[in-house]
Amino acid sequence: MKPVKIPRRVDEPPHLMMWSADELAPMLIGLVIGVVLGKAFICTVIGLVITNLYRKFRDNHPDGYLLHMLYWTGLPMTKSKTFKNPYIRRYFP
């Protein structure tokens, strides 16, 4: 019988080596932009620095903090009726 790997948390993102998917994205985006610009190494290093800054930010704040901060600044604009407009700060009865 083969052992089955069970994640520690249900909503844990997939990992590749030592990075989770959300930490790997800036490095891969930096690599792709670097290949297009002809500066792959420099852009990959910039992506690695952004990943390290993101990891420090994520470890020092609770889950979902970045999404709440983006909502408060008004970035995720949707047409959903259940998603309140983030620019309305006060509701009057």
N, C-alpha and C. Protein backbone atom coordinates (compact mmCIF):
# COMPACT_ATOMS: atom_id res chain seq x y z
N MET A 1 0.84 -1.17 0.00
CA MET A 1 0.00 0.00 0.00
C MET A 1 0.89 1.24 0.00
N LYS A 2 0.59 2.20 -0.89
CA LYS A 2 1.36 3.43 -0.97
C LYS A 2 0.85 4.44 0.05
N PRO A 3 1.75 5.19 0.68
CA PRO A 3 1.28 6.22 1.60
C PRO A 3 0.66 7.39 0.81
N VAL A 4 -0.38 7.97 1.36
CA VAL A 4 -1.07 9.08 0.73
C VAL A 4 -0.64 10.37 1.42
N LYS A 5 -0.23 11.36 0.63
CA LYS A 5 0.17 12.64 1.21
C LYS A 5 -1.07 13.48 1.49
N ILE A 6 -1.24 13.85 2.74
CA ILE A 6 -2.38 14.66 3.15
C ILE A 6 -1.84 16.05 3.48
N PRO A 7 -2.41 17.12 2.86
CA PRO A 7 -1.92 18.46 3.16
C PRO A 7 -2.23 18.84 4.60
N ARG A 8 -1.43 19.74 5.14
CA ARG A 8 -1.64 20.17 6.52
C ARG A 8 -2.95 20.94 6.67
N ARG A 9 -3.26 21.74 5.66
CA ARG A 9 -4.50 22.51 5.68
C ARG A 9 -5.27 22.21 4.40
N VAL A 10 -6.57 22.36 4.45
CA VAL A 10 -7.40 22.06 3.30
C VAL A 10 -7.14 23.05 2.17
N ASP A 11 -6.96 24.33 2.51
CA ASP A 11 -6.81 25.36 1.49
C ASP A 11 -5.35 25.72 1.21
N GLU A 12 -4.43 24.83 1.52
CA GLU A 12 -3.01 25.08 1.28
C GLU A 12 -2.73 25.06 -0.22
N PRO A 13 -2.05 26.10 -0.76
CA PRO A 13 -1.77 26.10 -2.20
C PRO A 13 -0.74 25.04 -2.56
N PRO A 14 -0.72 24.62 -3.82
CA PRO A 14 0.27 23.62 -4.23
C PRO A 14 1.69 24.16 -4.14
N HIS A 15 2.65 23.29 -3.87
CA HIS A 15 4.05 23.68 -3.71
C HIS A 15 4.90 23.09 -4.83
N LEU A 16 5.93 23.82 -5.21
CA LEU A 16 6.94 23.34 -6.13
C LEU A 16 8.27 23.58 -5.43
N MET A 17 8.94 22.51 -5.07
CA MET A 17 10.14 22.53 -4.24
C MET A 17 9.83 23.22 -2.91
N MET A 18 10.37 24.41 -2.67
CA MET A 18 10.14 25.07 -1.37
C MET A 18 9.22 26.28 -1.48
N TRP A 19 8.67 26.55 -2.66
CA TRP A 19 7.82 27.71 -2.85
C TRP A 19 6.38 27.29 -3.11
N SER A 20 5.45 28.06 -2.55
CA SER A 20 4.05 27.83 -2.87
C SER A 20 3.74 28.54 -4.20
N ALA A 21 2.56 28.30 -4.73
CA ALA A 21 2.22 28.85 -6.04
C ALA A 21 2.20 30.37 -6.03
N ASP A 22 1.72 30.99 -4.95
CA ASP A 22 1.69 32.44 -4.91
C ASP A 22 3.07 33.06 -4.74
N GLU A 23 4.03 32.32 -4.20
CA GLU A 23 5.40 32.82 -4.10
C GLU A 23 6.17 32.59 -5.40
N LEU A 24 5.78 31.59 -6.15
CA LEU A 24 6.48 31.26 -7.39
C LEU A 24 6.08 32.19 -8.54
N ALA A 25 4.89 32.75 -8.48
CA ALA A 25 4.38 33.59 -9.57
C ALA A 25 5.27 34.80 -9.88
N PRO A 26 5.75 35.60 -8.90
CA PRO A 26 6.59 36.75 -9.26
C PRO A 26 7.90 36.34 -9.94
N MET A 27 8.48 35.22 -9.53
CA MET A 27 9.71 34.77 -10.18
C MET A 27 9.46 34.36 -11.62
N LEU A 28 8.37 33.63 -11.85
CA LEU A 28 8.06 33.20 -13.22
C LEU A 28 7.68 34.37 -14.10
N ILE A 29 6.93 35.32 -13.56
CA ILE A 29 6.59 36.51 -14.34
C ILE A 29 7.85 37.31 -14.66
N GLY A 30 8.76 37.43 -13.68
CA GLY A 30 10.03 38.11 -13.93
C GLY A 30 10.85 37.39 -15.00
N LEU A 31 10.84 36.07 -14.97
CA LEU A 31 11.57 35.30 -15.97
C LEU A 31 11.00 35.51 -17.37
N VAL A 32 9.67 35.48 -17.48
CA VAL A 32 9.02 35.66 -18.79
C VAL A 32 9.30 37.07 -19.32
N ILE A 33 9.14 38.08 -18.47
CA ILE A 33 9.42 39.46 -18.91
C ILE A 33 10.89 39.61 -19.26
N GLY A 34 11.77 38.97 -18.49
CA GLY A 34 13.20 39.04 -18.77
C GLY A 34 13.57 38.39 -20.09
N VAL A 35 12.92 37.28 -20.44
CA VAL A 35 13.18 36.63 -21.72
C VAL A 35 12.74 37.54 -22.86
N VAL A 36 11.60 38.19 -22.69
CA VAL A 36 11.10 39.10 -23.74
C VAL A 36 12.04 40.29 -23.90
N LEU A 37 12.54 40.83 -22.79
CA LEU A 37 13.41 42.00 -22.85
C LEU A 37 14.87 41.66 -23.11
N GLY A 38 15.24 40.39 -22.99
CA GLY A 38 16.63 39.98 -23.18
C GLY A 38 17.46 40.13 -21.92
N LYS A 39 16.83 40.28 -20.77
CA LYS A 39 17.50 40.41 -19.47
C LYS A 39 16.91 39.42 -18.49
N ALA A 40 16.97 38.15 -18.82
CA ALA A 40 16.31 37.11 -18.03
C ALA A 40 16.86 37.02 -16.62
N PHE A 41 18.17 37.07 -16.45
CA PHE A 41 18.76 36.92 -15.12
C PHE A 41 18.37 38.07 -14.21
N ILE A 42 18.44 39.29 -14.70
CA ILE A 42 18.14 40.46 -13.88
C ILE A 42 16.68 40.46 -13.46
N CYS A 43 15.78 40.18 -14.39
CA CYS A 43 14.36 40.17 -14.06
C CYS A 43 13.99 39.01 -13.14
N THR A 44 14.66 37.88 -13.26
CA THR A 44 14.41 36.76 -12.35
C THR A 44 14.88 37.10 -10.94
N VAL A 45 16.00 37.78 -10.82
CA VAL A 45 16.49 38.21 -9.50
C VAL A 45 15.52 39.22 -8.89
N ILE A 46 14.99 40.14 -9.71
CA ILE A 46 14.00 41.09 -9.21
C ILE A 46 12.75 40.34 -8.74
N GLY A 47 12.33 39.33 -9.49
CA GLY A 47 11.19 38.50 -9.07
C GLY A 47 11.47 37.77 -7.77
N LEU A 48 12.70 37.30 -7.58
CA LEU A 48 13.07 36.63 -6.33
C LEU A 48 13.03 37.59 -5.15
N VAL A 49 13.49 38.82 -5.35
CA VAL A 49 13.44 39.84 -4.29
C VAL A 49 11.99 40.15 -3.94
N ILE A 50 11.13 40.29 -4.96
CA ILE A 50 9.71 40.55 -4.71
C ILE A 50 9.08 39.38 -3.96
N THR A 51 9.46 38.16 -4.30
CA THR A 51 8.96 36.98 -3.60
C THR A 51 9.36 37.00 -2.13
N ASN A 52 10.61 37.34 -1.84
CA ASN A 52 11.05 37.40 -0.45
C ASN A 52 10.33 38.49 0.33
N LEU A 53 10.10 39.66 -0.29
CA LEU A 53 9.35 40.72 0.38
C LEU A 53 7.91 40.29 0.62
N TYR A 54 7.31 39.62 -0.36
CA TYR A 54 5.94 39.13 -0.20
C TYR A 54 5.86 38.09 0.91
N ARG A 55 6.85 37.20 0.99
CA ARG A 55 6.84 36.17 2.04
C ARG A 55 6.93 36.80 3.42
N LYS A 56 7.79 37.81 3.59
CA LYS A 56 7.89 38.50 4.89
C LYS A 56 6.59 39.20 5.23
N PHE A 57 5.96 39.83 4.23
CA PHE A 57 4.68 40.51 4.46
C PHE A 57 3.61 39.50 4.84
N ARG A 58 3.54 38.39 4.11
CA ARG A 58 2.51 37.38 4.34
C ARG A 58 2.67 36.71 5.70
N ASP A 59 3.90 36.47 6.13
CA ASP A 59 4.12 35.80 7.41
C ASP A 59 3.79 36.68 8.60
N ASN A 60 3.84 37.99 8.44
CA ASN A 60 3.59 38.91 9.55
C ASN A 60 2.16 39.40 9.62
N HIS A 61 1.29 38.97 8.72
CA HIS A 61 -0.10 39.41 8.71
C HIS A 61 -1.02 38.20 8.64
N PRO A 62 -2.29 38.36 9.08
CA PRO A 62 -3.21 37.22 9.03
C PRO A 62 -3.61 36.87 7.60
N ASP A 63 -4.19 35.68 7.44
CA ASP A 63 -4.62 35.23 6.12
C ASP A 63 -5.67 36.19 5.56
N GLY A 64 -5.57 36.50 4.28
CA GLY A 64 -6.53 37.36 3.62
C GLY A 64 -6.29 38.84 3.82
N TYR A 65 -5.23 39.22 4.51
CA TYR A 65 -4.97 40.63 4.79
C TYR A 65 -4.74 41.42 3.50
N LEU A 66 -3.99 40.85 2.56
CA LEU A 66 -3.70 41.53 1.31
C LEU A 66 -4.97 41.74 0.49
N LEU A 67 -5.86 40.75 0.47
CA LEU A 67 -7.13 40.91 -0.26
C LEU A 67 -8.00 41.99 0.38
N HIS A 68 -8.02 42.06 1.70
CA HIS A 68 -8.78 43.11 2.38
C HIS A 68 -8.18 44.49 2.08
N MET A 69 -6.87 44.57 2.03
CA MET A 69 -6.21 45.84 1.73
C MET A 69 -6.51 46.27 0.29
N LEU A 70 -6.51 45.31 -0.65
CA LEU A 70 -6.85 45.63 -2.03
C LEU A 70 -8.31 46.07 -2.15
N TYR A 71 -9.20 45.43 -1.40
CA TYR A 71 -10.60 45.83 -1.42
C TYR A 71 -10.76 47.25 -0.88
N TRP A 72 -10.05 47.56 0.20
CA TRP A 72 -10.18 48.87 0.83
C TRP A 72 -9.69 49.99 -0.11
N THR A 73 -8.68 49.69 -0.93
CA THR A 73 -8.20 50.70 -1.88
C THR A 73 -9.08 50.75 -3.12
N GLY A 74 -9.96 49.78 -3.32
CA GLY A 74 -10.91 49.82 -4.41
C GLY A 74 -10.45 49.11 -5.67
N LEU A 75 -9.45 48.25 -5.60
CA LEU A 75 -8.95 47.60 -6.80
C LEU A 75 -9.86 46.50 -7.35
N PRO A 76 -10.39 45.59 -6.55
CA PRO A 76 -11.21 44.52 -7.16
C PRO A 76 -12.62 45.01 -7.45
N MET A 77 -12.82 45.63 -8.59
CA MET A 77 -14.14 46.11 -8.98
C MET A 77 -14.88 44.98 -9.70
N THR A 78 -16.01 44.61 -9.17
CA THR A 78 -16.81 43.56 -9.80
C THR A 78 -18.23 44.06 -10.01
N LYS A 79 -18.98 43.35 -10.80
CA LYS A 79 -20.38 43.69 -11.07
C LYS A 79 -21.33 42.92 -10.14
N SER A 80 -20.77 42.21 -9.18
CA SER A 80 -21.58 41.40 -8.28
C SER A 80 -22.46 42.28 -7.40
N LYS A 81 -23.69 41.84 -7.17
CA LYS A 81 -24.59 42.60 -6.31
C LYS A 81 -24.30 42.38 -4.84
N THR A 82 -23.64 41.27 -4.50
CA THR A 82 -23.32 41.00 -3.11
C THR A 82 -22.00 41.62 -2.69
N PHE A 83 -21.23 42.08 -3.64
CA PHE A 83 -19.91 42.67 -3.37
C PHE A 83 -20.10 44.18 -3.33
N LYS A 84 -20.05 44.76 -2.14
CA LYS A 84 -20.31 46.19 -1.98
C LYS A 84 -19.22 47.02 -2.63
N ASN A 85 -19.59 48.21 -3.07
CA ASN A 85 -18.63 49.14 -3.67
C ASN A 85 -17.65 49.60 -2.60
N PRO A 86 -16.35 49.39 -2.80
CA PRO A 86 -15.39 49.75 -1.75
C PRO A 86 -15.21 51.26 -1.58
N TYR A 87 -15.67 52.06 -2.53
CA TYR A 87 -15.53 53.51 -2.40
C TYR A 87 -16.59 54.12 -1.49
N ILE A 88 -17.65 53.38 -1.21
CA ILE A 88 -18.68 53.87 -0.28
C ILE A 88 -18.22 53.51 1.12
N ARG A 89 -17.84 54.52 1.89
CA ARG A 89 -17.31 54.28 3.24
C ARG A 89 -18.39 54.31 4.32
N ARG A 90 -19.50 55.03 4.08
CA ARG A 90 -20.57 55.12 5.06
C ARG A 90 -21.89 54.80 4.40
N TYR A 91 -22.71 54.04 5.11
CA TYR A 91 -24.04 53.71 4.64
C TYR A 91 -25.06 54.36 5.57
N PHE A 92 -25.99 55.06 4.99
CA PHE A 92 -27.05 55.70 5.78
C PHE A 92 -28.32 54.89 5.64
N PRO A 93 -29.11 54.79 6.74
CA PRO A 93 -30.36 54.00 6.66
C PRO A 93 -31.43 54.69 5.85
